[in-house]
Amino acid sequence: MLSQKLHDALNAQVNAELWSAYLYLSMALDAESKGYKGIANWFHVQFQEEQAHARIFMNYMLSRDAKVELLPIEAVPTTWETPLAMFEKTLEHEKKVTALINNLASIANEDRDFASINRLNWFIDEQVEEEENARDMIQAVAAVIDNKYGLYMLDKELAARTYNVPSPLASAE
């Protein structure tokens, strides 16, 4: 059984993951409206990943006989000046998510809830990857920022990104 503190924090995390999905969907739509179809695809994949993260948390809570309470999702920004600004915001946001995941792990550790610690370890590793991906995209866009052809080629490359079902969901389906 989850402690009330961890239960409340996990419910808040579900909401945070859904807000993240909403943010990345907004970025995808903004990129697409500006003709960056590859960048839009990159953010559509991020949107799917964040939805999957919310599902993983919800599935975990249900497996522990904890009630999932969905909260309203606050509005997200809808426009960014440049693709670089989008990726910089992505890194900033992923760092906040990392802090949230670390807080969950801290609560689970205080509770000596080893099952939750085990599940959260996957998210800790995932956040390392999320931050690295955002930094890589900042570097890639910054490298071609003054080169329209370079941005065109990067956009084409990002169009090939595909969504992969996270392992905690793949094994549940």
N, C-alpha and C. Protein backbone atom coordinates (compact mmCIF):
# COMPACT_ATOMS: atom_id res chain seq x y z
N MET A 1 0.83 -1.17 0.00
CA MET A 1 0.00 0.00 0.00
C MET A 1 0.88 1.24 0.00
N LEU A 2 0.50 2.22 -0.81
CA LEU A 2 1.25 3.47 -0.88
C LEU A 2 0.93 4.36 0.31
N SER A 3 1.93 5.07 0.79
CA SER A 3 1.66 6.07 1.82
C SER A 3 0.81 7.18 1.20
N GLN A 4 0.10 7.92 2.03
CA GLN A 4 -0.72 9.01 1.50
C GLN A 4 0.14 10.06 0.81
N LYS A 5 1.32 10.32 1.37
CA LYS A 5 2.23 11.31 0.78
C LYS A 5 2.67 10.88 -0.62
N LEU A 6 3.05 9.61 -0.76
CA LEU A 6 3.47 9.12 -2.08
C LEU A 6 2.28 9.05 -3.03
N HIS A 7 1.14 8.61 -2.53
CA HIS A 7 -0.06 8.56 -3.36
C HIS A 7 -0.38 9.94 -3.93
N ASP A 8 -0.37 10.97 -3.09
CA ASP A 8 -0.66 12.33 -3.55
C ASP A 8 0.39 12.80 -4.56
N ALA A 9 1.64 12.49 -4.29
CA ALA A 9 2.71 12.91 -5.20
C ALA A 9 2.62 12.19 -6.55
N LEU A 10 2.24 10.92 -6.53
CA LEU A 10 2.07 10.18 -7.79
C LEU A 10 0.90 10.75 -8.59
N ASN A 11 -0.19 11.10 -7.91
CA ASN A 11 -1.31 11.72 -8.62
C ASN A 11 -0.88 13.04 -9.25
N ALA A 12 -0.10 13.82 -8.52
CA ALA A 12 0.41 15.08 -9.06
C ALA A 12 1.32 14.81 -10.26
N GLN A 13 2.10 13.72 -10.19
CA GLN A 13 3.00 13.39 -11.30
C GLN A 13 2.22 12.99 -12.55
N VAL A 14 1.14 12.27 -12.39
CA VAL A 14 0.28 11.94 -13.54
C VAL A 14 -0.14 13.23 -14.23
N ASN A 15 -0.58 14.20 -13.44
CA ASN A 15 -0.99 15.48 -14.00
C ASN A 15 0.18 16.18 -14.69
N ALA A 16 1.36 16.13 -14.07
CA ALA A 16 2.55 16.76 -14.67
C ALA A 16 2.91 16.10 -16.00
N GLU A 17 2.80 14.79 -16.07
CA GLU A 17 3.10 14.09 -17.33
C GLU A 17 2.09 14.46 -18.42
N LEU A 18 0.83 14.59 -18.05
CA LEU A 18 -0.18 14.98 -19.04
C LEU A 18 0.02 16.43 -19.47
N TRP A 19 0.44 17.30 -18.54
CA TRP A 19 0.76 18.68 -18.90
C TRP A 19 1.94 18.69 -19.87
N SER A 20 2.93 17.85 -19.60
CA SER A 20 4.09 17.75 -20.50
C SER A 20 3.64 17.33 -21.90
N ALA A 21 2.75 16.35 -21.96
CA ALA A 21 2.23 15.91 -23.27
C ALA A 21 1.56 17.07 -23.98
N TYR A 22 0.77 17.81 -23.25
CA TYR A 22 0.06 18.96 -23.81
C TYR A 22 1.05 20.02 -24.31
N LEU A 23 2.12 20.26 -23.54
CA LEU A 23 3.15 21.21 -23.94
C LEU A 23 3.79 20.77 -25.26
N TYR A 24 4.16 19.49 -25.36
CA TYR A 24 4.83 19.02 -26.57
C TYR A 24 3.89 18.98 -27.76
N LEU A 25 2.62 18.72 -27.53
CA LEU A 25 1.66 18.81 -28.62
C LEU A 25 1.56 20.25 -29.11
N SER A 26 1.56 21.19 -28.20
CA SER A 26 1.52 22.60 -28.58
C SER A 26 2.76 22.98 -29.39
N MET A 27 3.91 22.49 -28.98
CA MET A 27 5.14 22.75 -29.72
C MET A 27 5.08 22.14 -31.12
N ALA A 28 4.55 20.92 -31.20
CA ALA A 28 4.42 20.26 -32.50
C ALA A 28 3.52 21.07 -33.42
N LEU A 29 2.42 21.54 -32.91
CA LEU A 29 1.49 22.32 -33.74
C LEU A 29 2.10 23.64 -34.16
N ASP A 30 2.84 24.29 -33.26
CA ASP A 30 3.49 25.55 -33.61
C ASP A 30 4.55 25.32 -34.68
N ALA A 31 5.35 24.26 -34.51
CA ALA A 31 6.39 23.96 -35.51
C ALA A 31 5.76 23.67 -36.87
N GLU A 32 4.72 22.87 -36.86
CA GLU A 32 4.07 22.52 -38.12
C GLU A 32 3.48 23.76 -38.81
N SER A 33 2.90 24.66 -38.02
CA SER A 33 2.31 25.87 -38.60
C SER A 33 3.36 26.76 -39.24
N LYS A 34 4.63 26.57 -38.84
CA LYS A 34 5.73 27.37 -39.38
C LYS A 34 6.48 26.60 -40.47
N GLY A 35 5.98 25.43 -40.85
CA GLY A 35 6.58 24.68 -41.94
C GLY A 35 7.68 23.72 -41.53
N TYR A 36 7.89 23.53 -40.25
CA TYR A 36 8.93 22.62 -39.76
C TYR A 36 8.29 21.26 -39.45
N LYS A 37 8.06 20.49 -40.48
CA LYS A 37 7.36 19.21 -40.30
C LYS A 37 8.19 18.19 -39.54
N GLY A 38 9.48 18.19 -39.73
CA GLY A 38 10.34 17.26 -39.00
C GLY A 38 10.41 17.61 -37.52
N ILE A 39 10.55 18.87 -37.22
CA ILE A 39 10.56 19.31 -35.83
C ILE A 39 9.21 19.00 -35.20
N ALA A 40 8.14 19.23 -35.96
CA ALA A 40 6.79 18.89 -35.47
C ALA A 40 6.72 17.40 -35.16
N ASN A 41 7.29 16.57 -36.02
CA ASN A 41 7.30 15.12 -35.78
C ASN A 41 8.05 14.81 -34.49
N TRP A 42 9.20 15.45 -34.28
CA TRP A 42 9.99 15.22 -33.07
C TRP A 42 9.13 15.49 -31.84
N PHE A 43 8.38 16.58 -31.86
CA PHE A 43 7.54 16.93 -30.72
C PHE A 43 6.29 16.05 -30.63
N HIS A 44 5.79 15.56 -31.76
CA HIS A 44 4.68 14.60 -31.70
C HIS A 44 5.12 13.32 -31.00
N VAL A 45 6.34 12.89 -31.26
CA VAL A 45 6.87 11.70 -30.57
C VAL A 45 7.01 11.99 -29.08
N GLN A 46 7.48 13.20 -28.74
CA GLN A 46 7.57 13.58 -27.33
C GLN A 46 6.19 13.55 -26.68
N PHE A 47 5.19 14.04 -27.39
CA PHE A 47 3.80 14.03 -26.92
C PHE A 47 3.38 12.60 -26.58
N GLN A 48 3.66 11.66 -27.49
CA GLN A 48 3.30 10.26 -27.25
C GLN A 48 4.05 9.68 -26.06
N GLU A 49 5.32 10.03 -25.94
CA GLU A 49 6.12 9.52 -24.82
C GLU A 49 5.56 10.01 -23.49
N GLU A 50 5.18 11.27 -23.43
CA GLU A 50 4.65 11.80 -22.17
C GLU A 50 3.31 11.17 -21.81
N GLN A 51 2.48 10.92 -22.82
CA GLN A 51 1.23 10.21 -22.56
C GLN A 51 1.53 8.81 -22.00
N ALA A 52 2.53 8.16 -22.57
CA ALA A 52 2.92 6.83 -22.10
C ALA A 52 3.43 6.89 -20.66
N HIS A 53 4.20 7.92 -20.34
CA HIS A 53 4.70 8.06 -18.97
C HIS A 53 3.52 8.19 -17.99
N ALA A 54 2.52 8.97 -18.37
CA ALA A 54 1.34 9.11 -17.51
C ALA A 54 0.66 7.75 -17.34
N ARG A 55 0.57 6.99 -18.43
CA ARG A 55 -0.06 5.66 -18.35
C ARG A 55 0.73 4.73 -17.44
N ILE A 56 2.05 4.80 -17.51
CA ILE A 56 2.88 3.95 -16.65
C ILE A 56 2.61 4.28 -15.19
N PHE A 57 2.57 5.56 -14.87
CA PHE A 57 2.27 5.95 -13.49
C PHE A 57 0.87 5.50 -13.09
N MET A 58 -0.11 5.69 -13.96
CA MET A 58 -1.48 5.28 -13.64
C MET A 58 -1.57 3.77 -13.44
N ASN A 59 -0.96 3.01 -14.35
CA ASN A 59 -0.96 1.55 -14.23
C ASN A 59 -0.31 1.11 -12.92
N TYR A 60 0.78 1.77 -12.58
CA TYR A 60 1.48 1.41 -11.34
C TYR A 60 0.59 1.70 -10.13
N MET A 61 -0.03 2.86 -10.12
CA MET A 61 -0.90 3.21 -8.99
C MET A 61 -2.04 2.21 -8.87
N LEU A 62 -2.65 1.86 -9.98
CA LEU A 62 -3.75 0.90 -9.94
C LEU A 62 -3.27 -0.46 -9.45
N SER A 63 -2.06 -0.84 -9.84
CA SER A 63 -1.53 -2.14 -9.39
C SER A 63 -1.29 -2.15 -7.89
N ARG A 64 -1.15 -0.98 -7.30
CA ARG A 64 -0.94 -0.85 -5.85
C ARG A 64 -2.25 -0.51 -5.14
N ASP A 65 -3.36 -0.67 -5.85
CA ASP A 65 -4.69 -0.42 -5.29
C ASP A 65 -4.88 1.02 -4.84
N ALA A 66 -4.27 1.94 -5.59
CA ALA A 66 -4.36 3.37 -5.29
C ALA A 66 -5.25 4.05 -6.33
N LYS A 67 -6.06 4.96 -5.89
CA LYS A 67 -6.97 5.67 -6.78
C LYS A 67 -6.21 6.74 -7.55
N VAL A 68 -6.42 6.75 -8.86
CA VAL A 68 -5.85 7.79 -9.72
C VAL A 68 -6.88 8.90 -9.83
N GLU A 69 -6.45 10.10 -9.52
CA GLU A 69 -7.35 11.25 -9.60
C GLU A 69 -6.80 12.21 -10.64
N LEU A 70 -7.52 12.33 -11.75
CA LEU A 70 -7.10 13.25 -12.81
C LEU A 70 -7.52 14.67 -12.44
N LEU A 71 -6.60 15.58 -12.64
CA LEU A 71 -6.82 16.99 -12.33
C LEU A 71 -6.90 17.79 -13.62
N PRO A 72 -7.45 19.00 -13.57
CA PRO A 72 -7.46 19.83 -14.78
C PRO A 72 -6.03 20.11 -15.25
N ILE A 73 -5.86 20.19 -16.54
CA ILE A 73 -4.55 20.49 -17.10
C ILE A 73 -4.51 21.98 -17.40
N GLU A 74 -3.53 22.66 -16.82
CA GLU A 74 -3.39 24.09 -17.03
C GLU A 74 -2.96 24.37 -18.47
N ALA A 75 -3.26 25.58 -18.90
CA ALA A 75 -2.89 26.01 -20.26
C ALA A 75 -1.37 25.98 -20.43
N VAL A 76 -0.96 25.76 -21.66
CA VAL A 76 0.46 25.76 -22.00
C VAL A 76 0.71 26.88 -23.00
N PRO A 77 1.97 27.30 -23.15
CA PRO A 77 2.28 28.28 -24.20
C PRO A 77 1.90 27.70 -25.57
N THR A 78 1.65 28.56 -26.52
CA THR A 78 1.24 28.09 -27.85
C THR A 78 2.14 28.55 -28.98
N THR A 79 3.12 29.35 -28.69
CA THR A 79 4.02 29.81 -29.75
C THR A 79 5.41 30.07 -29.19
N TRP A 80 6.39 29.82 -30.04
CA TRP A 80 7.80 30.06 -29.71
C TRP A 80 8.42 30.79 -30.88
N GLU A 81 9.37 31.62 -30.60
CA GLU A 81 10.00 32.44 -31.65
C GLU A 81 10.75 31.61 -32.68
N THR A 82 11.47 30.59 -32.21
CA THR A 82 12.32 29.80 -33.09
C THR A 82 12.32 28.34 -32.65
N PRO A 83 12.76 27.45 -33.53
CA PRO A 83 12.95 26.06 -33.10
C PRO A 83 13.94 25.95 -31.92
N LEU A 84 14.98 26.79 -31.93
CA LEU A 84 15.94 26.76 -30.82
C LEU A 84 15.24 27.08 -29.50
N ALA A 85 14.35 28.06 -29.52
CA ALA A 85 13.60 28.41 -28.29
C ALA A 85 12.75 27.23 -27.82
N MET A 86 12.20 26.49 -28.76
CA MET A 86 11.41 25.31 -28.39
C MET A 86 12.25 24.28 -27.64
N PHE A 87 13.43 24.02 -28.18
CA PHE A 87 14.29 23.00 -27.57
C PHE A 87 14.89 23.49 -26.25
N GLU A 88 15.17 24.79 -26.15
CA GLU A 88 15.65 25.33 -24.88
C GLU A 88 14.56 25.19 -23.81
N LYS A 89 13.32 25.48 -24.17
CA LYS A 89 12.20 25.32 -23.24
C LYS A 89 12.03 23.84 -22.88
N THR A 90 12.26 22.96 -23.85
CA THR A 90 12.17 21.52 -23.60
C THR A 90 13.18 21.10 -22.53
N LEU A 91 14.42 21.55 -22.66
CA LEU A 91 15.44 21.19 -21.67
C LEU A 91 15.07 21.75 -20.30
N GLU A 92 14.65 22.99 -20.26
CA GLU A 92 14.23 23.61 -18.99
C GLU A 92 13.09 22.80 -18.36
N HIS A 93 12.13 22.42 -19.17
CA HIS A 93 11.00 21.66 -18.66
C HIS A 93 11.43 20.27 -18.18
N GLU A 94 12.27 19.59 -18.94
CA GLU A 94 12.71 18.24 -18.54
C GLU A 94 13.50 18.28 -17.24
N LYS A 95 14.23 19.35 -17.00
CA LYS A 95 14.94 19.48 -15.72
C LYS A 95 13.95 19.58 -14.57
N LYS A 96 12.83 20.27 -14.79
CA LYS A 96 11.79 20.34 -13.76
C LYS A 96 11.17 18.97 -13.52
N VAL A 97 10.95 18.22 -14.60
CA VAL A 97 10.39 16.87 -14.46
C VAL A 97 11.36 15.98 -13.71
N THR A 98 12.64 16.12 -13.99
CA THR A 98 13.65 15.35 -13.27
C THR A 98 13.57 15.62 -11.77
N ALA A 99 13.41 16.88 -11.41
CA ALA A 99 13.29 17.23 -9.99
C ALA A 99 12.04 16.58 -9.38
N LEU A 100 10.94 16.54 -10.14
CA LEU A 100 9.71 15.90 -9.64
C LEU A 100 9.92 14.40 -9.43
N ILE A 101 10.57 13.76 -10.39
CA ILE A 101 10.84 12.32 -10.28
C ILE A 101 11.77 12.05 -9.09
N ASN A 102 12.79 12.88 -8.94
CA ASN A 102 13.70 12.71 -7.80
C ASN A 102 12.95 12.87 -6.48
N ASN A 103 11.99 13.79 -6.43
CA ASN A 103 11.20 13.97 -5.22
C ASN A 103 10.37 12.71 -4.94
N LEU A 104 9.78 12.13 -5.98
CA LEU A 104 9.03 10.88 -5.80
C LEU A 104 9.94 9.78 -5.24
N ALA A 105 11.13 9.68 -5.80
CA ALA A 105 12.08 8.66 -5.33
C ALA A 105 12.46 8.91 -3.88
N SER A 106 12.61 10.16 -3.51
CA SER A 106 12.95 10.50 -2.14
C SER A 106 11.83 10.08 -1.18
N ILE A 107 10.58 10.35 -1.57
CA ILE A 107 9.44 9.94 -0.74
C ILE A 107 9.40 8.41 -0.61
N ALA A 108 9.54 7.74 -1.74
CA ALA A 108 9.52 6.27 -1.72
C ALA A 108 10.64 5.72 -0.85
N ASN A 109 11.79 6.36 -0.91
CA ASN A 109 12.93 5.95 -0.09
C ASN A 109 12.62 6.15 1.39
N GLU A 110 12.04 7.31 1.74
CA GLU A 110 11.64 7.57 3.13
C GLU A 110 10.65 6.49 3.62
N ASP A 111 9.74 6.11 2.73
CA ASP A 111 8.72 5.11 3.06
C ASP A 111 9.26 3.68 3.06
N ARG A 112 10.48 3.53 2.58
CA ARG A 112 11.06 2.20 2.39
C ARG A 112 10.15 1.35 1.51
N ASP A 113 9.59 2.01 0.49
CA ASP A 113 8.66 1.37 -0.46
C ASP A 113 9.50 0.90 -1.65
N PHE A 114 10.00 -0.31 -1.54
CA PHE A 114 10.95 -0.82 -2.52
C PHE A 114 10.32 -1.05 -3.89
N ALA A 115 9.05 -1.40 -3.93
CA ALA A 115 8.37 -1.56 -5.22
C ALA A 115 8.32 -0.23 -5.95
N SER A 116 7.99 0.83 -5.23
CA SER A 116 7.94 2.16 -5.87
C SER A 116 9.33 2.62 -6.28
N ILE A 117 10.30 2.36 -5.43
CA ILE A 117 11.68 2.71 -5.79
C ILE A 117 12.07 2.02 -7.09
N ASN A 118 11.73 0.75 -7.21
CA ASN A 118 12.05 0.00 -8.42
C ASN A 118 11.40 0.62 -9.65
N ARG A 119 10.13 0.98 -9.56
CA ARG A 119 9.43 1.58 -10.69
C ARG A 119 10.05 2.95 -11.01
N LEU A 120 10.35 3.72 -9.98
CA LEU A 120 10.89 5.07 -10.20
C LEU A 120 12.30 5.04 -10.79
N ASN A 121 13.05 3.95 -10.55
CA ASN A 121 14.38 3.85 -11.17
C ASN A 121 14.29 3.93 -12.69
N TRP A 122 13.24 3.34 -13.27
CA TRP A 122 13.07 3.43 -14.73
C TRP A 122 12.91 4.90 -15.14
N PHE A 123 12.13 5.65 -14.38
CA PHE A 123 11.91 7.06 -14.71
C PHE A 123 13.17 7.89 -14.50
N ILE A 124 13.95 7.55 -13.50
CA ILE A 124 15.21 8.27 -13.27
C ILE A 124 16.11 8.11 -14.48
N ASP A 125 16.25 6.88 -14.97
CA ASP A 125 17.05 6.63 -16.18
C ASP A 125 16.45 7.35 -17.38
N GLU A 126 15.13 7.33 -17.49
CA GLU A 126 14.43 7.98 -18.61
C GLU A 126 14.71 9.48 -18.62
N GLN A 127 14.76 10.10 -17.45
CA GLN A 127 14.99 11.54 -17.39
C GLN A 127 16.41 11.91 -17.81
N VAL A 128 17.37 11.06 -17.53
CA VAL A 128 18.73 11.29 -18.02
C VAL A 128 18.69 11.36 -19.55
N GLU A 129 17.98 10.41 -20.15
CA GLU A 129 17.84 10.36 -21.61
C GLU A 129 17.08 11.58 -22.15
N GLU A 130 16.02 11.96 -21.47
CA GLU A 130 15.21 13.11 -21.92
C GLU A 130 16.04 14.39 -21.93
N GLU A 131 16.79 14.62 -20.87
CA GLU A 131 17.63 15.83 -20.82
C GLU A 131 18.73 15.78 -21.87
N GLU A 132 19.33 14.61 -22.06
CA GLU A 132 20.38 14.47 -23.07
C GLU A 132 19.81 14.73 -24.47
N ASN A 133 18.64 14.21 -24.77
CA ASN A 133 18.03 14.44 -26.08
C ASN A 133 17.76 15.92 -26.31
N ALA A 134 17.27 16.61 -25.30
CA ALA A 134 17.01 18.04 -25.44
C ALA A 134 18.31 18.81 -25.67
N ARG A 135 19.36 18.47 -24.91
CA ARG A 135 20.66 19.14 -25.11
C ARG A 135 21.20 18.86 -26.51
N ASP A 136 21.06 17.63 -26.98
CA ASP A 136 21.51 17.28 -28.33
C ASP A 136 20.78 18.11 -29.38
N MET A 137 19.47 18.30 -29.18
CA MET A 137 18.69 19.09 -30.15
C MET A 137 19.09 20.56 -30.10
N ILE A 138 19.37 21.08 -28.94
CA ILE A 138 19.85 22.47 -28.83
C ILE A 138 21.14 22.62 -29.60
N GLN A 139 22.07 21.68 -29.41
CA GLN A 139 23.35 21.75 -30.12
C GLN A 139 23.16 21.64 -31.63
N ALA A 140 22.28 20.74 -32.06
CA ALA A 140 22.06 20.56 -33.50
C ALA A 140 21.44 21.80 -34.12
N VAL A 141 20.43 22.37 -33.48
CA VAL A 141 19.78 23.56 -34.04
C VAL A 141 20.74 24.75 -33.98
N ALA A 142 21.47 24.89 -32.89
CA ALA A 142 22.42 26.00 -32.77
C ALA A 142 23.50 25.91 -33.85
N ALA A 143 23.89 24.71 -34.22
CA ALA A 143 24.93 24.52 -35.23
C ALA A 143 24.49 24.98 -36.61
N VAL A 144 23.20 24.98 -36.86
CA VAL A 144 22.72 25.34 -38.20
C VAL A 144 21.84 26.58 -38.20
N ILE A 145 21.80 27.30 -37.10
CA ILE A 145 20.85 28.39 -36.93
C ILE A 145 20.96 29.46 -38.01
N ASP A 146 22.14 29.75 -38.47
CA ASP A 146 22.31 30.78 -39.50
C ASP A 146 22.40 30.18 -40.90
N ASN A 147 22.12 28.89 -41.01
CA ASN A 147 22.23 28.21 -42.29
C ASN A 147 20.87 27.61 -42.62
N LYS A 148 20.12 28.26 -43.50
CA LYS A 148 18.77 27.79 -43.83
C LYS A 148 18.79 26.37 -44.40
N TYR A 149 19.80 26.05 -45.20
CA TYR A 149 19.87 24.71 -45.76
C TYR A 149 20.13 23.69 -44.65
N GLY A 150 20.99 24.05 -43.69
CA GLY A 150 21.27 23.15 -42.57
C GLY A 150 20.02 22.89 -41.75
N LEU A 151 19.21 23.92 -41.49
CA LEU A 151 17.97 23.74 -40.75
C LEU A 151 16.99 22.89 -41.55
N TYR A 152 16.98 23.09 -42.86
CA TYR A 152 16.13 22.28 -43.73
C TYR A 152 16.53 20.80 -43.62
N MET A 153 17.81 20.52 -43.67
CA MET A 153 18.29 19.14 -43.59
C MET A 153 18.01 18.53 -42.21
N LEU A 154 18.21 19.31 -41.15
CA LEU A 154 17.92 18.83 -39.81
C LEU A 154 16.43 18.53 -39.68
N ASP A 155 15.59 19.39 -40.22
CA ASP A 155 14.15 19.17 -40.19
C ASP A 155 13.79 17.87 -40.90
N LYS A 156 14.41 17.61 -42.04
CA LYS A 156 14.16 16.36 -42.78
C LYS A 156 14.60 15.15 -41.95
N GLU A 157 15.73 15.27 -41.28
CA GLU A 157 16.23 14.16 -40.47
C GLU A 157 15.28 13.86 -39.30
N LEU A 158 14.74 14.90 -38.69
CA LEU A 158 13.84 14.71 -37.55
C LEU A 158 12.51 14.09 -37.96
N ALA A 159 12.17 14.22 -39.22
CA ALA A 159 10.93 13.61 -39.71
C ALA A 159 10.98 12.09 -39.61
N ALA A 160 12.17 11.52 -39.50
CA ALA A 160 12.31 10.06 -39.45
C ALA A 160 12.18 9.50 -38.03
N ARG A 161 12.12 10.36 -37.02
CA ARG A 161 12.00 9.87 -35.64
C ARG A 161 10.67 9.14 -35.46
N THR A 162 10.72 8.01 -34.76
CA THR A 162 9.51 7.23 -34.52
C THR A 162 9.31 7.01 -33.03
N TYR A 163 8.09 6.72 -32.68
CA TYR A 163 7.72 6.46 -31.29
C TYR A 163 7.96 4.98 -30.99
N ASN A 164 8.58 4.72 -29.86
CA ASN A 164 8.77 3.36 -29.37
C ASN A 164 8.07 3.22 -28.03
N VAL A 165 7.28 2.18 -27.88
CA VAL A 165 6.54 1.96 -26.64
C VAL A 165 7.54 1.72 -25.52
N PRO A 166 7.44 2.47 -24.41
CA PRO A 166 8.36 2.26 -23.29
C PRO A 166 8.22 0.85 -22.72
N SER A 167 9.31 0.28 -22.25
CA SER A 167 9.30 -1.10 -21.78
C SER A 167 8.26 -1.39 -20.70
N PRO A 168 8.01 -0.48 -19.74
CA PRO A 168 6.97 -0.81 -18.75
C PRO A 168 5.57 -0.96 -19.37
N LEU A 169 5.33 -0.33 -20.51
CA LEU A 169 4.04 -0.49 -21.18
C LEU A 169 4.07 -1.68 -22.13
N ALA A 170 5.20 -1.89 -22.77
CA ALA A 170 5.30 -2.99 -23.74
C ALA A 170 5.06 -4.33 -23.05
N SER A 171 5.57 -4.45 -21.83
CA SER A 171 5.41 -5.72 -21.13
C SER A 171 4.00 -5.88 -20.56
N ALA A 172 3.25 -4.76 -20.47
CA ALA A 172 1.88 -4.82 -19.93
C ALA A 172 0.84 -5.09 -21.01
N GLU A 173 1.23 -4.93 -22.26
CA GLU A 173 0.25 -5.09 -23.35
C GLU A 173 0.33 -6.44 -23.99
